Amino acid sequence: MKLIVDNMSCQHCVKTITKAINDIDPKAKVTVDLTKREVDIEGGTISQEAAIAAINEAGFEFVGIAY
């Protein structure tokens, strides 16, 4: 799944989002593209709703789904 997320600007943001997702699903592979403002989550079993909640709780703003 690809999610569009605001408020990401640096590698600390990347690490924070990756940790938030991996705390819920350690098998999920998280790739963050700061330029496109996208968080790509592959593998694992995390639901879209859980991923969005984790991102928001980490202090970032979910904007939408990237296609």
C-alpha atoms as a PDB file:
ATOM      1  CA  MET A   1       0.000   0.000   0.000  1.00  0.00           C
ATOM      2  CA  LYS A   2       1.176   3.523  -0.739  1.00  0.00           C
ATOM      3  CA  LEU A   3       0.097   6.315   1.555  1.00  0.00           C
ATOM      4  CA  ILE A   4       0.563  10.047   1.062  1.00  0.00           C
ATOM      5  CA  VAL A   5       1.832  11.680   4.253  1.00  0.00           C
ATOM      6  CA  ASP A   6       2.519  15.341   5.103  1.00  0.00           C
ATOM      7  CA  ASN A   7       5.074  16.792   7.516  1.00  0.00           C
ATOM      8  CA  MET A   8       7.965  14.534   6.438  1.00  0.00           C
ATOM      9  CA  SER A   9      11.198  16.370   5.705  1.00  0.00           C
ATOM     10  CA  CYS A  10      14.249  14.418   6.878  1.00  0.00           C
ATOM     11  CA  GLN A  11      15.780  11.057   7.725  1.00  0.00           C
ATOM     12  CA  HIS A  12      14.555  11.355  11.311  1.00  0.00           C
ATOM     13  CA  CYS A  13      11.003  11.428   9.901  1.00  0.00           C
ATOM     14  CA  VAL A  14      11.781   8.318   7.843  1.00  0.00           C
ATOM     15  CA  LYS A  15      13.076   6.471  10.922  1.00  0.00           C
ATOM     16  CA  THR A  16      10.101   7.546  13.034  1.00  0.00           C
ATOM     17  CA  ILE A  17       7.535   6.358  10.488  1.00  0.00           C
ATOM     18  CA  THR A  18       9.400   3.120   9.837  1.00  0.00           C
ATOM     19  CA  LYS A  19       9.553   2.388  13.566  1.00  0.00           C
ATOM     20  CA  ALA A  20       5.853   3.196  14.028  1.00  0.00           C
ATOM     21  CA  ILE A  21       4.885   0.699  11.320  1.00  0.00           C
ATOM     22  CA  ASN A  22       7.411  -1.965  12.378  1.00  0.00           C
ATOM     23  CA  ASP A  23       6.287  -1.746  16.012  1.00  0.00           C
ATOM     24  CA  ILE A  24       2.905  -3.064  14.818  1.00  0.00           C
ATOM     25  CA  ASP A  25       4.192  -5.385  12.087  1.00  0.00           C
ATOM     26  CA  PRO A  26       7.915  -6.231  12.211  1.00  0.00           C
ATOM     27  CA  LYS A  27       7.704  -8.070   8.865  1.00  0.00           C
ATOM     28  CA  ALA A  28       6.447  -5.031   6.938  1.00  0.00           C
ATOM     29  CA  LYS A  29       8.958  -3.433   4.578  1.00  0.00           C
ATOM     30  CA  VAL A  30       8.646   0.353   4.768  1.00  0.00           C
ATOM     31  CA  THR A  31      10.021   2.668   2.082  1.00  0.00           C
ATOM     32  CA  VAL A  32       9.633   6.436   2.431  1.00  0.00           C
ATOM     33  CA  ASP A  33       9.993   8.878  -0.470  1.00  0.00           C
ATOM     34  CA  LEU A  34      10.329  12.372   0.993  1.00  0.00           C
ATOM     35  CA  THR A  35      10.071  14.066  -2.415  1.00  0.00           C
ATOM     36  CA  LYS A  36       6.768  12.403  -3.328  1.00  0.00           C
ATOM     37  CA  ARG A  37       5.547  12.428   0.305  1.00  0.00           C
ATOM     38  CA  GLU A  38       4.823   8.685  -0.006  1.00  0.00           C
ATOM     39  CA  VAL A  39       5.108   5.839   2.467  1.00  0.00           C
ATOM     40  CA  ASP A  40       5.137   2.450   0.730  1.00  0.00           C
ATOM     41  CA  ILE A  41       4.393  -0.562   2.937  1.00  0.00           C
ATOM     42  CA  GLU A  42       4.907  -4.047   1.497  1.00  0.00           C
ATOM     43  CA  GLY A  43       4.664  -7.504   2.999  1.00  0.00           C
ATOM     44  CA  GLY A  44       3.543  -8.170   6.515  1.00  0.00           C
ATOM     45  CA  THR A  45      -0.056  -8.146   7.642  1.00  0.00           C
ATOM     46  CA  ILE A  46      -0.643  -4.576   8.830  1.00  0.00           C
ATOM     47  CA  SER A  47      -4.014  -3.202   7.768  1.00  0.00           C
ATOM     48  CA  GLN A  48      -4.386   0.131   6.039  1.00  0.00           C
ATOM     49  CA  GLU A  49      -6.308   1.484   9.021  1.00  0.00           C
ATOM     50  CA  ALA A  50      -3.590   0.409  11.483  1.00  0.00           C
ATOM     51  CA  ALA A  51      -0.861   1.925   9.294  1.00  0.00           C
ATOM     52  CA  ILE A  52      -2.709   5.244   9.053  1.00  0.00           C
ATOM     53  CA  ALA A  53      -3.290   5.293  12.819  1.00  0.00           C
ATOM     54  CA  ALA A  54       0.397   4.555  13.508  1.00  0.00           C
ATOM     55  CA  ILE A  55       1.524   7.334  11.154  1.00  0.00           C
ATOM     56  CA  ASN A  56      -0.877   9.853  12.710  1.00  0.00           C
ATOM     57  CA  GLU A  57       0.118   8.839  16.256  1.00  0.00           C
ATOM     58  CA  ALA A  58       3.780   9.325  15.293  1.00  0.00           C
ATOM     59  CA  GLY A  59       2.987  12.985  14.608  1.00  0.00           C
ATOM     60  CA  PHE A  60       2.532  12.949  10.843  1.00  0.00           C
ATOM     61  CA  GLU A  61      -0.566  13.667   8.790  1.00  0.00           C
ATOM     62  CA  PHE A  62      -2.084  11.034   6.500  1.00  0.00           C
ATOM     63  CA  VAL A  63      -3.379  12.791   3.380  1.00  0.00           C
ATOM     64  CA  GLY A  64      -4.557   9.999   1.069  1.00  0.00           C
ATOM     65  CA  ILE A  65      -3.847   6.850  -0.868  1.00  0.00           C
ATOM     66  CA  ALA A  66      -1.268   6.935  -3.688  1.00  0.00           C
ATOM     67  CA  TYR A  67      -2.044   4.940  -6.813  1.00  0.00           C
END
